[in-house]
C-alpha atoms as a PDB file:
ATOM      1  CA  MET A   1    -102.825-104.194 -94.041  1.00  0.00           C
ATOM      2  CA  THR A   2     -99.486-104.567 -92.126  1.00  0.00           C
ATOM      3  CA  VAL A   3     -99.060-103.288 -88.645  1.00  0.00           C
ATOM      4  CA  HIS A   4     -95.441-102.022 -88.040  1.00  0.00           C
ATOM      5  CA  ILE A   5     -94.771-101.966 -84.243  1.00  0.00           C
ATOM      6  CA  LEU A   6     -91.660-100.599 -82.561  1.00  0.00           C
ATOM      7  CA  LYS A   7     -89.805-103.480 -80.947  1.00  0.00           C
ATOM      8  CA  PRO A   8     -90.516-103.575 -77.209  1.00  0.00           C
ATOM      9  CA  ASP A   9     -87.682-102.742 -74.841  1.00  0.00           C
ATOM     10  CA  ASP A  10     -87.382-102.133 -71.111  1.00  0.00           C
ATOM     11  CA  HIS A  11     -89.084 -98.747 -71.141  1.00  0.00           C
ATOM     12  CA  VAL A  12     -92.401 -98.519 -69.347  1.00  0.00           C
ATOM     13  CA  PHE A  13     -94.265 -97.452 -72.512  1.00  0.00           C
ATOM     14  CA  SER A  14     -93.156-100.671 -74.120  1.00  0.00           C
ATOM     15  CA  LEU A  15     -96.210-102.238 -72.525  1.00  0.00           C
ATOM     16  CA  ASN A  16     -98.329-100.398 -75.089  1.00  0.00           C
ATOM     17  CA  ARG A  17     -96.422-101.987 -77.945  1.00  0.00           C
ATOM     18  CA  VAL A  18     -96.828-105.409 -76.317  1.00  0.00           C
ATOM     19  CA  SER A  19    -100.572-104.877 -76.050  1.00  0.00           C
ATOM     20  CA  ALA A  20    -100.843-103.619 -79.645  1.00  0.00           C
ATOM     21  CA  ARG A  21     -99.004-106.675 -80.961  1.00  0.00           C
ATOM     22  CA  MET A  22    -101.271-109.071 -79.046  1.00  0.00           C
ATOM     23  CA  GLY A  23    -104.417-107.187 -80.220  1.00  0.00           C
ATOM     24  CA  PHE A  24    -103.517-107.001 -83.903  1.00  0.00           C
ATOM     25  CA  LEU A  25    -102.402-110.649 -83.969  1.00  0.00           C
ATOM     26  CA  SER A  26    -105.779-111.577 -82.421  1.00  0.00           C
ATOM     27  CA  LEU A  27    -107.463-109.720 -85.232  1.00  0.00           C
ATOM     28  CA  GLY A  28    -105.507-111.776 -87.743  1.00  0.00           C
ATOM     29  CA  GLU A  29    -103.454-108.893 -89.027  1.00  0.00           C
ATOM     30  CA  GLU A  30     -99.885-109.215 -90.202  1.00  0.00           C
ATOM     31  CA  VAL A  31     -97.505-107.698 -87.571  1.00  0.00           C
ATOM     32  CA  ARG A  32     -93.818-106.727 -88.178  1.00  0.00           C
ATOM     33  CA  MET A  33     -91.478-105.292 -85.681  1.00  0.00           C
ATOM     34  CA  PHE A  34     -89.051-102.443 -86.333  1.00  0.00           C
ATOM     35  CA  THR A  35     -86.229-100.803 -84.415  1.00  0.00           C
ATOM     36  CA  PRO A  36     -85.957 -97.001 -83.743  1.00  0.00           C
ATOM     37  CA  ASP A  37     -83.270 -96.546 -86.408  1.00  0.00           C
ATOM     38  CA  SER A  38     -85.085 -98.579 -89.113  1.00  0.00           C
ATOM     39  CA  LEU A  39     -88.333 -96.619 -89.581  1.00  0.00           C
ATOM     40  CA  ASP A  40     -87.034 -94.524 -92.391  1.00  0.00           C
ATOM     41  CA  THR A  41     -86.150 -97.558 -94.411  1.00  0.00           C
ATOM     42  CA  LEU A  42     -89.428 -99.516 -93.777  1.00  0.00           C
ATOM     43  CA  GLU A  43     -91.425-100.352 -96.752  1.00  0.00           C
ATOM     44  CA  LEU A  44     -94.908 -98.967 -95.998  1.00  0.00           C
ATOM     45  CA  ASN A  45     -97.911 -99.528 -98.212  1.00  0.00           C
ATOM     46  CA  GLU A  46    -101.384 -97.966 -98.315  1.00  0.00           C
ATOM     47  CA  GLY A  47    -103.436 -99.173 -95.317  1.00  0.00           C
ATOM     48  CA  ASP A  48    -100.478 -99.870 -93.113  1.00  0.00           C
ATOM     49  CA  ILE A  49    -100.292 -98.656 -89.499  1.00  0.00           C
ATOM     50  CA  VAL A  50     -97.240 -97.619 -87.489  1.00  0.00           C
ATOM     51  CA  VAL A  51     -97.328 -98.160 -83.679  1.00  0.00           C
ATOM     52  CA  GLY A  52     -94.589 -96.903 -81.296  1.00  0.00           C
ATOM     53  CA  GLY A  53     -95.618 -93.625 -79.669  1.00  0.00           C
ATOM     54  CA  VAL A  54     -96.670 -90.207 -81.024  1.00  0.00           C
ATOM     55  CA  GLY A  55     -93.373 -89.400 -82.766  1.00  0.00           C
ATOM     56  CA  PHE A  56     -93.017 -92.756 -84.634  1.00  0.00           C
ATOM     57  CA  ALA A  57     -96.776 -92.735 -85.517  1.00  0.00           C
ATOM     58  CA  GLN A  58     -96.503 -89.252 -86.997  1.00  0.00           C
ATOM     59  CA  ARG A  59     -93.288 -90.141 -88.946  1.00  0.00           C
ATOM     60  CA  GLY A  60     -95.069 -93.123 -90.301  1.00  0.00           C
ATOM     61  CA  MET A  61     -98.055 -91.036 -91.431  1.00  0.00           C
ATOM     62  CA  ARG A  62     -95.811 -88.614 -93.240  1.00  0.00           C
ATOM     63  CA  LYS A  63     -94.013 -91.474 -94.906  1.00  0.00           C
ATOM     64  CA  LEU A  64     -97.381 -92.769 -96.089  1.00  0.00           C
ATOM     65  CA  GLY A  65     -98.443 -89.345 -97.303  1.00  0.00           C
ATOM     66  CA  LEU A  66    -101.106 -88.940 -94.654  1.00  0.00           C
ATOM     67  CA  THR A  67    -102.075 -85.667 -92.987  1.00  0.00           C
ATOM     68  CA  VAL A  68    -101.072 -85.688 -89.311  1.00  0.00           C
ATOM     69  CA  PRO A  69    -104.178 -84.634 -87.279  1.00  0.00           C
ATOM     70  CA  MET A  70    -103.959 -81.982 -84.576  1.00  0.00           C
ATOM     71  CA  ILE A  71    -106.741 -81.824 -81.959  1.00  0.00           C
ATOM     72  CA  GLU A  72    -107.025 -79.630 -78.965  1.00  0.00           C
ATOM     73  CA  SER A  73    -106.288 -81.104 -75.534  1.00  0.00           C
ATOM     74  CA  ILE A  74    -109.657 -79.729 -74.421  1.00  0.00           C
ATOM     75  CA  PRO A  75    -111.834 -78.814 -77.461  1.00  0.00           C
ATOM     76  CA  ASP A  76    -114.473 -76.112 -77.124  1.00  0.00           C
ATOM     77  CA  GLN A  77    -117.316 -78.623 -76.670  1.00  0.00           C
ATOM     78  CA  LEU A  78    -115.524 -79.909 -73.516  1.00  0.00           C
ATOM     79  CA  MET A  79    -114.608 -76.565 -71.974  1.00  0.00           C
ATOM     80  CA  PRO A  80    -117.739 -76.620 -69.685  1.00  0.00           C
ATOM     81  CA  PHE A  81    -116.298 -79.861 -68.236  1.00  0.00           C
ATOM     82  CA  ALA A  82    -112.778 -78.565 -67.553  1.00  0.00           C
ATOM     83  CA  GLY A  83    -113.486 -77.115 -64.115  1.00  0.00           C
ATOM     84  CA  ARG A  84    -110.644 -74.592 -64.375  1.00  0.00           C
ATOM     85  CA  ARG A  85    -109.396 -71.714 -66.548  1.00  0.00           C
ATOM     86  CA  ILE A  86    -107.524 -72.834 -69.693  1.00  0.00           C
ATOM     87  CA  TRP A  87    -105.829 -70.436 -72.129  1.00  0.00           C
ATOM     88  CA  GLN A  88    -103.309 -70.246 -74.913  1.00  0.00           C
ATOM     89  CA  SER A  89    -100.094 -68.408 -74.111  1.00  0.00           C
ATOM     90  CA  THR A  90     -96.343 -68.275 -74.888  1.00  0.00           C
ATOM     91  CA  MET A  91     -93.259 -69.350 -73.163  1.00  0.00           C
ATOM     92  CA  LYS A  92     -92.390 -65.680 -72.548  1.00  0.00           C
ATOM     93  CA  GLU A  93     -95.588 -65.180 -70.540  1.00  0.00           C
ATOM     94  CA  LEU A  94     -95.075 -68.407 -68.658  1.00  0.00           C
ATOM     95  CA  ARG A  95     -91.649 -67.387 -67.593  1.00  0.00           C
ATOM     96  CA  ALA A  96     -92.724 -64.004 -66.516  1.00  0.00           C
ATOM     97  CA  ARG A  97     -95.660 -65.220 -64.506  1.00  0.00           C
ATOM     98  CA  VAL A  98     -93.726 -68.009 -62.862  1.00  0.00           C
ATOM     99  CA  SER A  99     -90.880 -65.581 -61.984  1.00  0.00           C
ATOM    100  CA  ALA A 100     -93.532 -63.281 -60.411  1.00  0.00           C
ATOM    101  CA  GLY A 101     -94.538 -66.192 -58.032  1.00  0.00           C
ATOM    102  CA  GLU A 102     -97.481 -67.857 -59.878  1.00  0.00           C
ATOM    103  CA  THR A 103     -97.867 -71.602 -60.253  1.00  0.00           C
ATOM    104  CA  ILE A 104     -99.182 -72.588 -63.719  1.00  0.00           C
ATOM    105  CA  PHE A 105     -99.696 -75.885 -65.478  1.00  0.00           C
ATOM    106  CA  ALA A 106     -98.305 -75.663 -69.070  1.00  0.00           C
ATOM    107  CA  LYS A 107     -97.895 -78.041 -71.949  1.00  0.00           C
ATOM    108  CA  PRO A 108     -96.874 -77.780 -75.622  1.00  0.00           C
ATOM    109  CA  ARG A 109     -99.463 -77.104 -78.331  1.00  0.00           C
ATOM    110  CA  PRO A 110    -100.785 -80.160 -80.206  1.00  0.00           C
ATOM    111  CA  ASP A 111     -98.389 -79.474 -83.170  1.00  0.00           C
ATOM    112  CA  SER A 112     -95.307 -79.398 -80.983  1.00  0.00           C
ATOM    113  CA  LEU A 113     -95.876 -82.231 -78.423  1.00  0.00           C
ATOM    114  CA  LYS A 114     -92.164 -83.188 -78.109  1.00  0.00           C
ATOM    115  CA  SER A 115     -90.814 -79.754 -77.156  1.00  0.00           C
ATOM    116  CA  PHE A 116     -91.298 -80.409 -73.482  1.00  0.00           C
ATOM    117  CA  THR A 117     -93.389 -82.462 -71.011  1.00  0.00           C
ATOM    118  CA  GLY A 118     -96.581 -80.869 -69.658  1.00  0.00           C
ATOM    119  CA  GLN A 119     -96.157 -80.111 -65.920  1.00  0.00           C
ATOM    120  CA  LEU A 120     -96.669 -77.663 -63.068  1.00  0.00           C
ATOM    121  CA  PHE A 121     -94.308 -74.715 -63.181  1.00  0.00           C
ATOM    122  CA  SER A 122     -93.829 -72.933 -59.863  1.00  0.00           C
ATOM    123  CA  SER A 123     -90.162 -71.860 -59.700  1.00  0.00           C
ATOM    124  CA  PHE A 124     -87.111 -71.003 -61.798  1.00  0.00           C
ATOM    125  CA  ARG A 125     -85.837 -74.567 -61.300  1.00  0.00           C
ATOM    126  CA  ASP A 126     -88.958 -75.844 -63.171  1.00  0.00           C
ATOM    127  CA  LEU A 127     -88.174 -73.559 -66.090  1.00  0.00           C
ATOM    128  CA  ILE A 128     -84.615 -74.694 -66.590  1.00  0.00           C
ATOM    129  CA  PRO A 129     -85.355 -77.719 -68.758  1.00  0.00           C
ATOM    130  CA  THR A 130     -87.308 -75.419 -71.220  1.00  0.00           C
ATOM    131  CA  ALA A 131     -84.432 -72.864 -71.603  1.00  0.00           C
ATOM    132  CA  HIS A 132     -83.937 -74.017 -75.178  1.00  0.00           C
ATOM    133  CA  ILE A 133     -87.520 -73.098 -76.181  1.00  0.00           C
ATOM    134  CA  PRO A 134     -87.971 -69.670 -77.752  1.00  0.00           C
ATOM    135  CA  ASP A 135     -90.038 -67.014 -75.935  1.00  0.00           C
ATOM    136  CA  GLU A 136     -92.503 -66.836 -78.761  1.00  0.00           C
ATOM    137  CA  GLU A 137     -93.306 -70.570 -78.669  1.00  0.00           C
ATOM    138  CA  PRO A 138     -97.094 -71.014 -78.225  1.00  0.00           C
ATOM    139  CA  ILE A 139     -98.231 -73.218 -75.366  1.00  0.00           C
ATOM    140  CA  ASP A 140    -101.367 -74.242 -73.515  1.00  0.00           C
ATOM    141  CA  CYS A 141    -101.791 -73.126 -69.866  1.00  0.00           C
ATOM    142  CA  ALA A 142    -104.242 -74.011 -67.152  1.00  0.00           C
ATOM    143  CA  GLU A 143    -104.901 -73.113 -63.596  1.00  0.00           C
ATOM    144  CA  PRO A 144    -103.425 -75.721 -61.217  1.00  0.00           C
ATOM    145  CA  ILE A 145    -105.904 -78.211 -59.815  1.00  0.00           C
ATOM    146  CA  THR A 146    -105.489 -80.979 -57.263  1.00  0.00           C
ATOM    147  CA  LEU A 147    -106.902 -84.374 -58.483  1.00  0.00           C
ATOM    148  CA  MET A 148    -107.515 -87.218 -56.155  1.00  0.00           C
ATOM    149  CA  SER A 149    -107.850 -89.762 -58.945  1.00  0.00           C
ATOM    150  CA  GLU A 150    -107.607 -89.881 -62.719  1.00  0.00           C
ATOM    151  CA  TYR A 151    -109.290 -92.250 -65.175  1.00  0.00           C
ATOM    152  CA  ARG A 152    -109.017 -92.784 -68.881  1.00  0.00           C
ATOM    153  CA  CYS A 153    -112.282 -93.373 -70.880  1.00  0.00           C
ATOM    154  CA  PHE A 154    -111.724 -95.085 -74.235  1.00  0.00           C
ATOM    155  CA  VAL A 155    -114.120 -94.316 -77.074  1.00  0.00           C
ATOM    156  CA  ILE A 156    -114.536 -95.948 -80.438  1.00  0.00           C
ATOM    157  CA  ARG A 157    -117.034 -94.406 -82.889  1.00  0.00           C
ATOM    158  CA  GLY A 158    -118.761 -92.521 -80.152  1.00  0.00           C
ATOM    159  CA  ASP A 159    -119.189 -95.614 -77.908  1.00  0.00           C
ATOM    160  CA  MET A 160    -117.391 -95.845 -74.555  1.00  0.00           C
ATOM    161  CA  ILE A 161    -115.711 -99.233 -74.364  1.00  0.00           C
ATOM    162  CA  ASP A 162    -113.799 -99.074 -71.168  1.00  0.00           C
ATOM    163  CA  LEU A 163    -112.716 -96.938 -68.188  1.00  0.00           C
ATOM    164  CA  ARG A 164    -109.302 -97.370 -66.579  1.00  0.00           C
ATOM    165  CA  PRO A 165    -107.734 -95.755 -63.504  1.00  0.00           C
ATOM    166  CA  TYR A 166    -104.160 -94.544 -63.993  1.00  0.00           C
ATOM    167  CA  LYS A 167    -103.340 -92.116 -61.162  1.00  0.00           C
ATOM    168  CA  GLY A 168    -104.248 -91.481 -57.637  1.00  0.00           C
ATOM    169  CA  ASP A 169    -106.867 -93.409 -55.504  1.00  0.00           C
ATOM    170  CA  ALA A 170    -108.644 -95.825 -57.765  1.00  0.00           C
ATOM    171  CA  LEU A 171    -111.511 -96.016 -55.274  1.00  0.00           C
ATOM    172  CA  ILE A 172    -112.362 -92.426 -55.903  1.00  0.00           C
ATOM    173  CA  PHE A 173    -114.556 -93.001 -58.899  1.00  0.00           C
ATOM    174  CA  PRO A 174    -115.580 -90.188 -61.369  1.00  0.00           C
ATOM    175  CA  ASP A 175    -119.206 -89.268 -61.788  1.00  0.00           C
ATOM    176  CA  PRO A 176    -120.696 -91.603 -64.476  1.00  0.00           C
ATOM    177  CA  GLU A 177    -123.153 -88.881 -65.528  1.00  0.00           C
ATOM    178  CA  VAL A 178    -120.367 -86.363 -66.170  1.00  0.00           C
ATOM    179  CA  ILE A 179    -118.493 -88.967 -68.296  1.00  0.00           C
ATOM    180  CA  ARG A 180    -121.618 -89.675 -70.382  1.00  0.00           C
ATOM    181  CA  SER A 181    -122.367 -86.013 -70.791  1.00  0.00           C
ATOM    182  CA  ALA A 182    -118.828 -85.148 -71.878  1.00  0.00           C
ATOM    183  CA  VAL A 183    -118.595 -88.029 -74.390  1.00  0.00           C
ATOM    184  CA  ASN A 184    -121.976 -86.962 -75.850  1.00  0.00           C
ATOM    185  CA  ALA A 185    -120.926 -83.297 -76.000  1.00  0.00           C
ATOM    186  CA  TYR A 186    -117.826 -84.352 -77.969  1.00  0.00           C
ATOM    187  CA  SER A 187    -120.003 -85.598 -80.798  1.00  0.00           C
ATOM    188  CA  ASP A 188    -117.530 -84.658 -83.554  1.00  0.00           C
ATOM    189  CA  GLY A 189    -114.553 -86.303 -81.847  1.00  0.00           C
ATOM    190  CA  PRO A 190    -112.203 -88.729 -83.606  1.00  0.00           C
ATOM    191  CA  MET A 191    -113.371 -92.282 -84.396  1.00  0.00           C
ATOM    192  CA  GLY A 192    -110.945 -93.476 -81.794  1.00  0.00           C
ATOM    193  CA  TYR A 193    -109.728 -91.450 -78.762  1.00  0.00           C
ATOM    194  CA  ALA A 194    -109.452 -91.381 -75.037  1.00  0.00           C
ATOM    195  CA  LEU A 195    -110.905 -88.887 -72.619  1.00  0.00           C
ATOM    196  CA  ASP A 196    -109.133 -88.413 -69.240  1.00  0.00           C
ATOM    197  CA  PHE A 197    -111.176 -87.504 -66.259  1.00  0.00           C
ATOM    198  CA  GLY A 198    -110.159 -86.485 -62.771  1.00  0.00           C
ATOM    199  CA  VAL A 199    -111.872 -86.100 -59.409  1.00  0.00           C
ATOM    200  CA  THR A 200    -110.986 -82.919 -57.488  1.00  0.00           C
ATOM    201  CA  GLU A 201    -110.544 -82.705 -53.602  1.00  0.00           C
ATOM    202  CA  GLY A 202    -114.121 -81.329 -53.543  1.00  0.00           C
ATOM    203  CA  GLY A 203    -115.477 -84.333 -55.345  1.00  0.00           C
ATOM    204  CA  ARG A 204    -116.075 -82.698 -58.752  1.00  0.00           C
ATOM    205  CA  THR A 205    -115.443 -84.747 -61.911  1.00  0.00           C
ATOM    206  CA  VAL A 206    -113.584 -82.767 -64.587  1.00  0.00           C
ATOM    207  CA  VAL A 207    -112.112 -83.435 -67.955  1.00  0.00           C
ATOM    208  CA  VAL A 208    -108.315 -83.528 -67.919  1.00  0.00           C
ATOM    209  CA  GLU A 209    -107.601 -83.816 -71.647  1.00  0.00           C
ATOM    210  CA  VAL A 210    -108.371 -85.605 -74.869  1.00  0.00           C
ATOM    211  CA  ASN A 211    -105.800 -88.038 -76.328  1.00  0.00           C
ATOM    212  CA  ASP A 212    -105.869 -88.874 -79.996  1.00  0.00           C
ATOM    213  CA  GLY A 213    -106.293 -92.505 -80.670  1.00  0.00           C
ATOM    214  CA  TYR A 214    -103.646 -93.033 -83.421  1.00  0.00           C
ATOM    215  CA  ALA A 215    -100.957 -93.262 -80.728  1.00  0.00           C
ATOM    216  CA  ILE A 216    -102.295 -93.727 -77.239  1.00  0.00           C
ATOM    217  CA  GLY A 217    -101.524 -95.383 -73.955  1.00  0.00           C
ATOM    218  CA  ALA A 218    -103.427 -98.594 -73.319  1.00  0.00           C
ATOM    219  CA  TYR A 219    -103.517 -98.305 -69.545  1.00  0.00           C
ATOM    220  CA  GLY A 220    -104.825-101.853 -69.246  1.00  0.00           C
ATOM    221  CA  LEU A 221    -107.353-101.752 -72.055  1.00  0.00           C
ATOM    222  CA  ALA A 222    -107.848-105.241 -73.534  1.00  0.00           C
ATOM    223  CA  PRO A 223    -105.376-105.769 -76.377  1.00  0.00           C
ATOM    224  CA  ILE A 224    -108.109-106.506 -78.984  1.00  0.00           C
ATOM    225  CA  HIS A 225    -110.001-103.305 -77.961  1.00  0.00           C
ATOM    226  CA  TYR A 226    -106.704-101.393 -78.102  1.00  0.00           C
ATOM    227  CA  ALA A 227    -106.011-102.597 -81.708  1.00  0.00           C
ATOM    228  CA  ASN A 228    -109.561-101.814 -82.825  1.00  0.00           C
ATOM    229  CA  LEU A 229    -109.291 -98.276 -81.392  1.00  0.00           C
ATOM    230  CA  ILE A 230    -105.956 -97.620 -83.180  1.00  0.00           C
ATOM    231  CA  THR A 231    -107.349 -99.029 -86.374  1.00  0.00           C
ATOM    232  CA  ALA A 232    -110.553 -96.911 -86.288  1.00  0.00           C
ATOM    233  CA  ARG A 233    -108.507 -93.751 -85.949  1.00  0.00           C
ATOM    234  CA  TRP A 234    -105.946 -94.578 -88.644  1.00  0.00           C
ATOM    235  CA  ASP A 235    -108.807 -95.466 -91.044  1.00  0.00           C
ATOM    236  CA  GLU A 236    -110.422 -92.100 -90.373  1.00  0.00           C
ATOM    237  CA  ILE A 237    -107.078 -90.319 -90.879  1.00  0.00           C
ATOM    238  CA  ARG A 238    -106.721 -92.008 -94.281  1.00  0.00           C
ATOM    239  CA  LYS A 239    -110.224 -91.011 -95.283  1.00  0.00           C
ATOM    240  CA  ASP A 240    -109.728 -87.367 -94.129  1.00  0.00           C
ATOM    241  CA  THR A 241    -106.449 -87.237 -96.089  1.00  0.00           C
ATOM    242  CA  GLN A 242    -108.065 -88.616 -99.252  1.00  0.00           C
ATOM    243  CA  SER A 243    -110.993 -86.175 -99.067  1.00  0.00           C
ATOM    244  CA  THR A 244    -108.674 -83.131 -99.052  1.00  0.00           C
ATOM    245  CA  ARG A 245    -106.808 -84.221-102.202  1.00  0.00           C
END
């Protein structure tokens, strides 16, 4: 197996690539760096992994003939832990409701993650960057919620391996029992993924979203654990692809 990693630059997300390189080298894997304009000419072989964010990872999968997985941000099993109303909608409905004075959190569906960045929409100004997106584009919406802290829980083959704060007050810790219950409820989740939790103003611990492990932010996870999580998910994607042929 060769791990192809996008060459680090001065972007904040470059830290993930540095961590991945350290982790895979620690595991004894061959690591090769590539530049943004060289992915299409890379020689990829069965068993290889491409690291460099969601877009590069998905392009690498397609180049390898793998089926790109699509998982819900909050699967049905985790809805009881969401703590807010979540629904599927369209850009047309979002524009109409925001124009009528509502504030709504919206993000692209899993199969269109790069169309815009998930955020709160509360005014016409917020909608301007999405003007190029058709009215019929499906999106995910949620009631706005104020979170005092946010943590990322890393899971490999059903086992929690770490928990890392990434936003808000790191001293406002999520309820461990809610974390355990949510991970157990998501029993058919990917072999490698992260589950984000937040603590509300009222002290409730809620699930923010699931992040697929094939291209995921490390958020301070130990490099060797980071590499193991990515590997577990890519191995599963290969097996899933083979089983459907």
